[in-house]
């Protein structure tokens, strides 16, 4: 009897101890937040509303690494007739219909722009990313291998990426169906052929969610996430691309929140002004129409950590026959990064080794120094163990088949990672290239350059709700 009483007492003490720890550490909850701008539950460029807005309450601490955008992505026949057995206004289930989604970003291709603001002070934008798909295409292919696409990203947003298990698979005619553009495009098409649409569960790529594992929603005044949908011609491409449209059904955001502990709440009351520090992406657009051109902008940014450049021929953008999110090399010969006209952060010009007697498609290799500095823009390239950036997939042959990966970039502060001050400076590059058209090698064509600067920002929030964003 004595032993039983002691056991019960010991159990109650441990239970109370664990309960106190649970209360003090804060409870974690997962909130499902639907679109606040109403509608019928169907969204897209040409159906329902073209904007998705999610309002997150100013309570607790947001766990950024676990936030997800969920919903259903469908591809519908709107050609006015039957296409390979798919009736008009029906969901596409026929792989024979040549309608595709970019293989590196999948469902994320429907996002044209992403903006994050304070819900209480919604007129103050904290981060806005235009041309969101180009950023995600570059970032995900640079930091995930083909195996990562097969095992992780495929389940999140239906993308399988492009890649080969070896050069033999690229040239072996018996395996051509599986490893050329036709075969890999068919593989990437399969996830989007379900009669009920494709369920997706994607991360939102933005600087705020990259730099901080949690964000104080109470200090920020809640959060508003606004997504604008991309044009159908940008999302869907192929021979039959113009005869289809995409739709997003019942989108929602899953928001993991941890309640503040009493100590944290008391500290917040004692501090009239709080400061939040995080990363943001700033996006710019330029066009290269000369074989020797400077691409320079007055960015007015402080704490610039790195930049990346994504190249696409202008004639492929918003073209239902072409992939507007693909990555191409405009046949770069020389590249110099500049700050106020001076070589920064590299004190030298990257000179690509080329044989002038050979066409771009027959050059022996893509300059490794270009790709190493490009990877260094994301993190120290020595720490990147898996990537689709490699001599095979980044070469001209793969880009001719529209399955290549390529980009340029640099890290402005690879030591301290605090960034450089460019509030009164110009940043950019001088690029010498052949502007080689991947569809017609030897023919020059203008290229669009999507530039993204990763910067550190600080937001000061007063107890009255006033927000001051420091660039």
Protein backbone atom coordinates (compact mmCIF):
# COMPACT_ATOMS: atom_id res chain seq x y z
CA UNK A 1 0.00 0.00 0.00
CA UNK A 2 2.83 2.36 0.90
CA UNK A 3 4.60 1.59 -2.38
CA UNK A 4 1.42 2.22 -4.37
CA UNK A 5 0.86 5.61 -2.66
CA UNK A 6 4.46 6.61 -3.29
CA UNK A 7 4.13 5.58 -6.95
CA UNK A 8 0.97 7.71 -7.38
CA UNK A 9 2.62 10.67 -5.69
CA UNK A 10 5.69 10.32 -7.91
CA UNK A 11 3.48 10.09 -11.02
CA UNK A 12 1.51 13.24 -10.08
CA UNK A 13 4.70 15.22 -9.39
CA UNK A 14 6.16 14.24 -12.78
CA UNK A 15 2.90 15.06 -14.54
CA UNK A 16 2.77 18.51 -12.95
CA UNK A 17 6.42 19.08 -13.81
CA UNK A 18 5.86 18.19 -17.48
CA UNK A 19 2.74 20.35 -17.57
CA UNK A 20 4.67 23.34 -16.24
CA UNK A 21 7.42 22.77 -18.81
CA UNK A 22 4.80 22.55 -21.58
CA UNK A 23 3.14 25.80 -20.49
CA UNK A 24 6.43 27.61 -20.06
CA UNK A 25 7.79 26.48 -23.43
CA UNK A 26 4.67 27.44 -25.36
CA UNK A 27 2.22 25.25 -27.27
CA UNK A 28 2.70 24.60 -30.98
CA UNK A 29 -0.33 24.73 -33.27
CA UNK A 30 -0.85 24.30 -37.00
CA UNK A 31 -3.35 26.78 -38.45
CA UNK A 32 -5.01 26.33 -41.83
CA UNK A 33 -5.57 29.79 -43.34
CA UNK A 34 -7.84 30.15 -46.38
CA UNK A 35 -7.80 33.03 -48.86
CA UNK A 36 -9.18 36.18 -47.27
CA UNK A 37 -10.16 37.80 -50.57
CA UNK A 38 -13.07 35.37 -51.01
CA UNK A 39 -14.08 33.96 -54.36
CA UNK A 40 -15.48 30.61 -55.39
CA UNK A 41 -12.39 28.66 -54.36
CA UNK A 42 -10.98 28.62 -57.89
CA UNK A 43 -8.05 30.86 -58.81
CA UNK A 44 -5.96 31.43 -61.92
CA UNK A 45 -4.96 33.90 -64.60
CA UNK A 46 -8.21 33.52 -66.57
CA UNK A 47 -10.61 31.98 -64.07
CA UNK A 48 -11.88 33.18 -60.70
CA UNK A 49 -9.55 35.62 -58.99
CA UNK A 50 -5.96 36.08 -60.16
CA UNK A 51 -4.79 37.06 -56.68
CA UNK A 52 -4.49 34.97 -53.51
CA UNK A 53 -4.31 36.81 -50.20
CA UNK A 54 -3.71 35.17 -46.83
CA UNK A 55 -3.99 37.04 -43.52
CA UNK A 56 -2.18 35.57 -40.52
CA UNK A 57 -3.17 36.85 -37.06
CA UNK A 58 -0.70 38.69 -34.82
CA UNK A 59 -0.34 35.92 -32.26
CA UNK A 60 2.62 33.75 -31.36
CA UNK A 61 5.82 32.97 -33.25
CA UNK A 62 5.67 31.75 -36.85
CA UNK A 63 7.87 28.71 -37.62
CA UNK A 64 9.00 29.72 -41.09
CA UNK A 65 10.62 26.43 -42.16
CA UNK A 66 7.33 24.56 -41.81
CA UNK A 67 4.96 27.03 -43.52
CA UNK A 68 3.36 25.47 -46.59
CA UNK A 69 1.07 26.52 -49.45
CA UNK A 70 -1.39 23.74 -50.24
CA UNK A 71 -4.15 23.18 -52.76
CA UNK A 72 -4.97 21.41 -56.02
CA UNK A 73 -3.44 22.24 -59.41
CA UNK A 74 -5.38 21.19 -62.51
CA UNK A 75 -4.85 21.60 -66.25
CA UNK A 76 -8.12 22.03 -68.19
CA UNK A 77 -8.86 21.78 -71.91
CA UNK A 78 -10.27 25.08 -73.21
CA UNK A 79 -9.50 24.58 -76.89
CA UNK A 80 -13.17 24.29 -77.81
CA UNK A 81 -12.75 20.72 -79.09
CA UNK A 82 -11.55 17.25 -78.16
CA UNK A 83 -7.77 16.80 -77.76
CA UNK A 84 -6.53 13.19 -77.67
CA UNK A 85 -9.72 12.01 -76.04
CA UNK A 86 -9.95 14.89 -73.58
CA UNK A 87 -13.27 16.68 -73.98
CA UNK A 88 -13.57 20.45 -73.97
CA UNK A 89 -13.62 21.91 -70.44
CA UNK A 90 -12.38 18.58 -69.01
CA UNK A 91 -9.22 18.04 -66.95
CA UNK A 92 -6.31 16.81 -69.03
CA UNK A 93 -5.52 13.13 -68.47
CA UNK A 94 -3.80 12.32 -71.78
CA UNK A 95 -0.01 12.22 -71.86
CA UNK A 96 -0.22 12.56 -75.64
CA UNK A 97 -1.27 16.20 -75.22
CA UNK A 98 1.95 18.20 -75.42
CA UNK A 99 1.23 20.59 -72.57
CA UNK A 100 3.96 20.95 -69.97
CA UNK A 101 4.96 22.68 -66.73
CA UNK A 102 8.55 23.64 -66.00
CA UNK A 103 10.33 20.59 -64.63
CA UNK A 104 12.35 22.47 -62.02
CA UNK A 105 9.54 24.30 -60.23
CA UNK A 106 6.33 22.40 -61.05
CA UNK A 107 3.25 23.93 -59.43
CA UNK A 108 5.24 26.94 -58.19
CA UNK A 109 5.24 28.19 -61.79
CA UNK A 110 1.76 29.68 -61.27
CA UNK A 111 3.17 32.32 -58.88
CA UNK A 112 4.11 35.48 -60.76
CA UNK A 113 4.86 37.64 -57.71
CA UNK A 114 4.97 37.18 -53.94
CA UNK A 115 4.60 39.98 -51.41
CA UNK A 116 4.83 39.90 -47.62
CA UNK A 117 3.55 42.76 -45.46
CA UNK A 118 2.42 43.47 -41.93
CA UNK A 119 -1.29 42.65 -41.55
CA UNK A 120 -1.89 45.59 -39.18
CA UNK A 121 0.18 47.92 -41.35
CA UNK A 122 -0.50 46.34 -44.73
CA UNK A 123 0.54 49.43 -46.68
CA UNK A 124 4.14 48.75 -45.64
CA UNK A 125 5.55 46.03 -47.88
CA UNK A 126 8.41 44.17 -46.22
CA UNK A 127 9.42 41.93 -49.12
CA UNK A 128 8.16 41.71 -52.69
CA UNK A 129 9.54 39.33 -55.32
CA UNK A 130 8.57 39.92 -58.94
CA UNK A 131 9.22 37.21 -61.53
CA UNK A 132 9.04 34.68 -58.72
CA UNK A 133 9.23 31.62 -60.98
CA UNK A 134 12.64 32.54 -62.39
CA UNK A 135 14.05 32.89 -58.88
CA UNK A 136 12.67 29.53 -57.75
CA UNK A 137 13.86 27.82 -60.93
CA UNK A 138 17.41 29.04 -60.30
CA UNK A 139 17.45 28.47 -56.54
CA UNK A 140 15.97 24.98 -56.48
CA UNK A 141 17.98 23.56 -59.37
CA UNK A 142 21.18 24.98 -57.86
CA UNK A 143 20.59 23.40 -54.45
CA UNK A 144 18.94 20.08 -55.34
CA UNK A 145 20.20 17.16 -57.38
CA UNK A 146 18.11 15.02 -59.69
CA UNK A 147 17.78 12.57 -56.79
CA UNK A 148 16.44 15.37 -54.60
CA UNK A 149 13.78 16.10 -57.21
CA UNK A 150 12.82 12.44 -57.51
CA UNK A 151 12.54 11.86 -53.76
CA UNK A 152 11.44 15.20 -52.27
CA UNK A 153 10.40 17.99 -54.62
CA UNK A 154 8.32 15.65 -56.79
CA UNK A 155 6.03 15.03 -53.81
CA UNK A 156 5.83 18.72 -52.90
CA UNK A 157 5.02 20.34 -56.25
CA UNK A 158 5.09 17.64 -58.91
CA UNK A 159 8.46 18.49 -60.47
CA UNK A 160 10.96 15.81 -61.43
CA UNK A 161 13.73 18.04 -62.72
CA UNK A 162 15.95 17.10 -65.62
CA UNK A 163 19.14 15.11 -65.57
CA UNK A 164 21.02 12.04 -66.66
CA UNK A 165 22.59 9.25 -64.70
CA UNK A 166 25.62 9.52 -66.98
CA UNK A 167 26.81 10.73 -70.34
CA UNK A 168 26.15 7.27 -71.84
CA UNK A 169 22.44 7.74 -71.17
CA UNK A 170 22.54 10.99 -73.12
CA UNK A 171 24.03 9.52 -76.30
CA UNK A 172 22.77 5.93 -76.20
CA UNK A 173 20.00 5.81 -78.82
CA UNK A 174 18.37 2.83 -77.09
CA UNK A 175 17.76 5.07 -74.05
CA UNK A 176 16.96 8.25 -75.95
CA UNK A 177 13.28 8.22 -74.96
CA UNK A 178 14.15 8.36 -71.29
CA UNK A 179 17.00 10.83 -71.40
CA UNK A 180 16.32 13.35 -74.15
CA UNK A 181 13.96 16.32 -73.97
CA UNK A 182 10.98 14.34 -75.28
CA UNK A 183 11.37 11.54 -72.76
CA UNK A 184 12.06 13.75 -69.77
CA UNK A 185 9.24 16.10 -70.70
CA UNK A 186 6.85 13.16 -70.75
CA UNK A 187 8.06 12.10 -67.31
CA UNK A 188 7.50 15.61 -65.96
CA UNK A 189 4.05 15.65 -67.55
CA UNK A 190 2.81 12.54 -65.74
CA UNK A 191 2.21 14.09 -62.27
CA UNK A 192 -0.33 16.51 -63.80
CA UNK A 193 -2.58 13.93 -65.49
CA UNK A 194 -4.76 12.92 -62.54
CA UNK A 195 -8.50 13.18 -63.12
CA UNK A 196 -8.79 14.90 -59.73
CA UNK A 197 -5.89 17.28 -60.27
CA UNK A 198 -2.50 17.38 -58.55
CA UNK A 199 -2.33 17.93 -54.80
CA UNK A 200 0.57 20.20 -53.86
CA UNK A 201 2.35 21.15 -50.66
CA UNK A 202 5.05 23.72 -51.49
CA UNK A 203 7.35 25.97 -49.56
CA UNK A 204 7.25 29.67 -50.29
CA UNK A 205 10.70 30.83 -51.35
CA UNK A 206 11.51 34.22 -49.87
CA UNK A 207 14.27 35.84 -47.89
CA UNK A 208 12.16 36.27 -44.75
CA UNK A 209 11.64 32.53 -44.45
CA UNK A 210 15.27 31.72 -45.33
CA UNK A 211 17.06 33.81 -42.73
CA UNK A 212 14.92 33.25 -39.63
CA UNK A 213 13.59 30.00 -38.23
CA UNK A 214 10.80 31.93 -36.48
CA UNK A 215 9.18 35.36 -36.75
CA UNK A 216 7.43 37.19 -33.90
CA UNK A 217 3.95 37.76 -35.35
CA UNK A 218 2.90 39.94 -32.41
CA UNK A 219 5.81 42.32 -32.93
CA UNK A 220 5.24 42.38 -36.69
CA UNK A 221 1.52 42.99 -36.33
CA UNK A 222 0.52 39.78 -38.08
CA UNK A 223 1.39 38.94 -41.66
CA UNK A 224 -0.28 39.29 -45.04
CA UNK A 225 0.95 37.10 -47.89
CA UNK A 226 -0.20 38.14 -51.38
CA UNK A 227 0.32 35.95 -54.45
CA UNK A 228 -0.42 37.11 -58.00
CA UNK A 229 -1.02 34.42 -60.61
CA UNK A 230 1.14 34.17 -63.74
CA UNK A 231 -0.25 34.18 -67.27
CA UNK A 232 -1.30 30.84 -68.76
CA UNK A 233 1.25 31.20 -71.56
CA UNK A 234 4.01 31.49 -68.97
CA UNK A 235 2.89 28.49 -66.90
CA UNK A 236 1.85 25.99 -69.61
CA UNK A 237 3.87 25.41 -72.76
CA UNK A 238 4.04 22.93 -75.62
CA UNK A 239 2.43 22.25 -78.98
CA UNK A 240 -0.98 22.04 -77.29
CA UNK A 241 -0.19 24.63 -74.61
CA UNK A 242 -2.46 27.35 -76.01
CA UNK A 243 -5.47 25.03 -75.77
CA UNK A 244 -5.24 24.59 -71.99
CA UNK A 245 -5.39 26.68 -68.84
CA UNK A 246 -4.38 26.01 -65.26
CA UNK A 247 -6.58 26.38 -62.18
CA UNK A 248 -5.80 26.45 -58.46
CA UNK A 249 -8.53 24.92 -56.30
CA UNK A 250 -9.11 25.66 -52.60
CA UNK A 251 -5.66 27.11 -51.80
CA UNK A 252 -4.69 27.46 -48.17
CA UNK A 253 -1.60 28.14 -46.12
CA UNK A 254 -0.62 25.88 -43.23
CA UNK A 255 0.89 28.11 -40.56
CA UNK A 256 2.81 26.54 -37.65
CA UNK A 257 2.74 28.85 -34.61
CA UNK A 258 4.27 28.52 -31.15
CA UNK A 259 2.62 30.48 -28.35
CA UNK A 260 4.81 32.88 -26.42
CA UNK A 261 5.81 31.97 -22.90
CA UNK A 262 4.84 34.31 -20.03
CA UNK A 263 8.45 35.48 -19.80
CA UNK A 264 8.52 36.38 -23.49
CA UNK A 265 5.23 38.25 -23.20
CA UNK A 266 6.52 40.22 -20.23
CA UNK A 267 9.74 41.13 -22.07
CA UNK A 268 7.71 42.34 -25.05
CA UNK A 269 5.67 44.64 -22.78
CA UNK A 270 8.84 46.10 -21.29
CA UNK A 271 10.37 46.90 -24.68
CA UNK A 272 8.37 49.71 -26.40
CA UNK A 273 10.27 49.22 -29.66
CA UNK A 274 11.32 45.86 -31.08
CA UNK A 275 13.55 45.16 -34.07
CA UNK A 276 13.25 42.24 -36.47
CA UNK A 277 16.19 41.28 -38.68
CA UNK A 278 15.83 39.09 -41.74
CA UNK A 279 16.82 38.52 -45.37
CA UNK A 280 14.89 39.70 -48.44
CA UNK A 281 15.12 39.21 -52.19
CA UNK A 282 14.96 42.28 -54.46
CA UNK A 283 14.17 41.56 -58.12
CA UNK A 284 15.15 43.53 -61.23
CA UNK A 285 14.62 43.00 -64.96
CA UNK A 286 16.90 44.01 -67.82
CA UNK A 287 17.45 43.09 -71.48
CA UNK A 288 20.72 42.29 -73.23
CA UNK A 289 20.64 43.21 -76.89
CA UNK A 290 24.36 43.85 -77.51
CA UNK A 291 27.26 41.42 -77.49
CA UNK A 292 29.15 43.78 -75.16
CA UNK A 293 26.89 45.48 -72.65
CA UNK A 294 26.79 46.75 -69.08
CA UNK A 295 23.77 45.84 -66.97
CA UNK A 296 23.87 48.30 -64.07
CA UNK A 297 21.21 49.49 -61.60
CA UNK A 298 21.06 51.92 -58.68
CA UNK A 299 19.67 49.48 -56.13
CA UNK A 300 19.54 51.75 -53.02
CA UNK A 301 20.07 48.76 -50.75
CA UNK A 302 22.04 48.23 -47.58
CA UNK A 303 23.51 44.90 -46.55
CA UNK A 304 23.67 43.31 -50.02
CA UNK A 305 24.87 39.75 -49.48
CA UNK A 306 24.80 38.29 -53.01
CA UNK A 307 23.18 38.40 -56.43
CA UNK A 308 22.11 35.87 -59.04
CA UNK A 309 21.22 36.30 -62.73
CA UNK A 310 18.76 34.15 -64.68
CA UNK A 311 18.88 34.34 -68.51
CA UNK A 312 16.02 33.61 -70.92
CA UNK A 313 15.67 34.55 -74.62
CA UNK A 314 13.04 37.27 -74.87
CA UNK A 315 11.10 35.31 -77.51
CA UNK A 316 10.48 32.50 -75.01
CA UNK A 317 8.74 34.64 -72.36
CA UNK A 318 4.93 34.34 -72.24
CA UNK A 319 5.11 32.07 -75.27
CA UNK A 320 2.82 29.03 -75.10
CA UNK A 321 5.23 27.09 -77.33
CA UNK A 322 8.27 27.74 -75.13
CA UNK A 323 9.31 27.31 -71.50
CA UNK A 324 9.63 30.82 -70.10
CA UNK A 325 11.20 29.56 -66.85
CA UNK A 326 14.03 27.63 -68.52
CA UNK A 327 17.67 28.57 -67.89
CA UNK A 328 20.02 29.46 -70.73
CA UNK A 329 23.59 30.56 -71.31
CA UNK A 330 23.73 33.45 -73.79
CA UNK A 331 27.19 32.13 -74.81
CA UNK A 332 29.11 34.25 -72.30
CA UNK A 333 32.69 35.03 -73.26
CA UNK A 334 33.68 37.48 -70.50
CA UNK A 335 31.97 38.60 -67.31
CA UNK A 336 32.89 41.32 -64.81
CA UNK A 337 30.93 42.20 -61.67
CA UNK A 338 30.83 45.93 -60.91
CA UNK A 339 30.13 48.34 -58.07
CA UNK A 340 30.23 52.01 -59.04
CA UNK A 341 32.08 51.03 -62.20
CA UNK A 342 34.84 49.16 -60.32
CA UNK A 343 35.44 45.43 -60.23
CA UNK A 344 33.65 44.15 -57.10
CA UNK A 345 33.61 41.68 -55.40
CA UNK A 346 35.94 39.87 -57.84
CA UNK A 347 39.00 41.94 -58.69
CA UNK A 348 39.36 40.24 -62.04
CA UNK A 349 37.37 39.50 -65.16
CA UNK A 350 36.05 35.98 -65.69
CA UNK A 351 37.37 34.96 -69.09
CA UNK A 352 35.62 31.88 -70.45
CA UNK A 353 37.95 29.54 -72.26
CA UNK A 354 36.59 29.16 -75.77
CA UNK A 355 37.74 27.82 -79.11
CA UNK A 356 36.87 30.51 -81.70
CA UNK A 357 36.80 27.88 -84.43
CA UNK A 358 33.91 26.04 -82.75
CA UNK A 359 30.26 27.00 -82.40
CA UNK A 360 28.86 27.50 -78.86
CA UNK A 361 27.17 24.08 -78.96
CA UNK A 362 30.50 22.39 -79.69
CA UNK A 363 32.61 24.16 -77.08
CA UNK A 364 34.49 21.65 -74.89
CA UNK A 365 32.97 22.82 -71.57
CA UNK A 366 31.12 25.51 -69.69
CA UNK A 367 33.55 27.65 -67.69
CA UNK A 368 33.69 26.17 -64.20
CA UNK A 369 34.59 29.54 -62.70
CA UNK A 370 31.26 30.98 -63.83
CA UNK A 371 29.36 28.16 -62.17
CA UNK A 372 31.42 28.15 -58.96
CA UNK A 373 30.78 31.86 -58.38
CA UNK A 374 27.11 31.30 -59.23
CA UNK A 375 26.82 28.59 -56.56
CA UNK A 376 28.74 30.81 -54.14
CA UNK A 377 25.87 33.31 -54.34
CA UNK A 378 23.67 30.83 -52.45
CA UNK A 379 26.23 29.61 -49.93
CA UNK A 380 29.88 28.61 -49.89
CA UNK A 381 30.10 26.37 -52.94
CA UNK A 382 32.19 23.89 -50.95
CA UNK A 383 29.15 23.27 -48.73
CA UNK A 384 26.86 22.42 -51.65
CA UNK A 385 26.97 18.64 -51.94
CA UNK A 386 24.08 18.13 -54.37
CA UNK A 387 23.09 20.29 -57.31
CA UNK A 388 21.77 20.16 -60.86
CA UNK A 389 24.53 22.62 -61.78
CA UNK A 390 27.15 20.43 -63.44
CA UNK A 391 29.13 20.35 -66.70
CA UNK A 392 26.59 18.04 -68.36
CA UNK A 393 23.26 19.69 -67.52
CA UNK A 394 24.79 23.18 -67.67
CA UNK A 395 26.32 22.56 -71.09
CA UNK A 396 25.07 23.89 -74.42
CA UNK A 397 23.82 20.47 -75.56
CA UNK A 398 21.33 20.23 -72.68
CA UNK A 399 20.24 23.83 -73.19
CA UNK A 400 19.57 23.15 -76.85
CA UNK A 401 17.13 20.48 -75.62
CA UNK A 402 15.61 22.99 -73.13
CA UNK A 403 16.58 20.89 -70.11
CA UNK A 404 19.70 22.76 -69.03
CA UNK A 405 20.59 24.67 -65.86
CA UNK A 406 22.66 27.83 -65.86
CA UNK A 407 23.10 31.15 -64.11
CA UNK A 408 25.69 33.67 -63.01
CA UNK A 409 26.14 35.35 -59.66
CA UNK A 410 28.50 36.21 -56.85
CA UNK A 411 28.77 36.67 -53.12
CA UNK A 412 29.60 40.23 -52.04
CA UNK A 413 30.60 39.21 -48.52
CA UNK A 414 31.65 35.57 -48.39
CA UNK A 415 33.46 36.04 -45.05
CA UNK A 416 31.14 37.88 -42.68
CA UNK A 417 27.91 37.46 -44.69
CA UNK A 418 26.76 40.85 -43.42
CA UNK A 419 26.60 42.31 -46.91
CA UNK A 420 27.89 45.54 -48.41
CA UNK A 421 26.38 49.01 -48.34
CA UNK A 422 24.95 49.99 -51.75
CA UNK A 423 22.48 52.67 -50.65
CA UNK A 424 24.22 55.26 -52.85
CA UNK A 425 25.93 52.91 -55.26
CA UNK A 426 25.30 51.14 -58.53
CA UNK A 427 25.64 47.38 -58.83
CA UNK A 428 25.74 45.28 -61.95
CA UNK A 429 28.00 43.58 -64.44
CA UNK A 430 29.66 43.94 -67.80
CA UNK A 431 28.88 40.97 -70.00
CA UNK A 432 30.37 40.00 -73.33
CA UNK A 433 28.46 37.22 -75.05
CA UNK A 434 27.31 35.95 -78.45
CA UNK A 435 23.56 36.12 -77.57
CA UNK A 436 23.35 32.66 -79.14
CA UNK A 437 19.77 31.47 -79.71
CA UNK A 438 19.41 27.95 -78.23
CA UNK A 439 16.74 27.15 -80.82
CA UNK A 440 18.85 28.31 -83.78
CA UNK A 441 22.52 28.01 -82.93
CA UNK A 442 24.62 30.64 -84.63
CA UNK A 443 21.77 33.18 -84.63
CA UNK A 444 21.77 36.10 -82.18
CA UNK A 445 18.66 36.95 -80.19
CA UNK A 446 18.00 39.38 -77.28
CA UNK A 447 18.09 37.87 -73.79
CA UNK A 448 16.14 38.87 -70.70
CA UNK A 449 18.16 39.04 -67.47
CA UNK A 450 16.33 38.48 -64.18
CA UNK A 451 18.57 39.77 -61.37
CA UNK A 452 17.92 39.04 -57.69
CA UNK A 453 19.79 40.70 -54.82
CA UNK A 454 19.76 39.01 -51.42
CA UNK A 455 19.92 41.69 -48.73
CA UNK A 456 19.70 42.03 -44.96
CA UNK A 457 16.92 44.26 -43.64
CA UNK A 458 15.74 45.46 -40.27
CA UNK A 459 12.17 46.35 -39.30
CA UNK A 460 11.54 48.46 -36.23
CA UNK A 461 8.07 48.11 -34.72
CA UNK A 462 6.73 50.35 -31.94
CA UNK A 463 4.12 49.31 -29.41
CA UNK A 464 1.66 51.58 -31.25
CA UNK A 465 1.99 49.49 -34.42
CA UNK A 466 4.22 51.89 -36.36
CA UNK A 467 6.62 50.10 -38.72
CA UNK A 468 9.90 51.45 -40.05
CA UNK A 469 11.62 49.32 -42.71
CA UNK A 470 15.34 49.99 -42.95
CA UNK A 471 16.89 49.02 -46.29
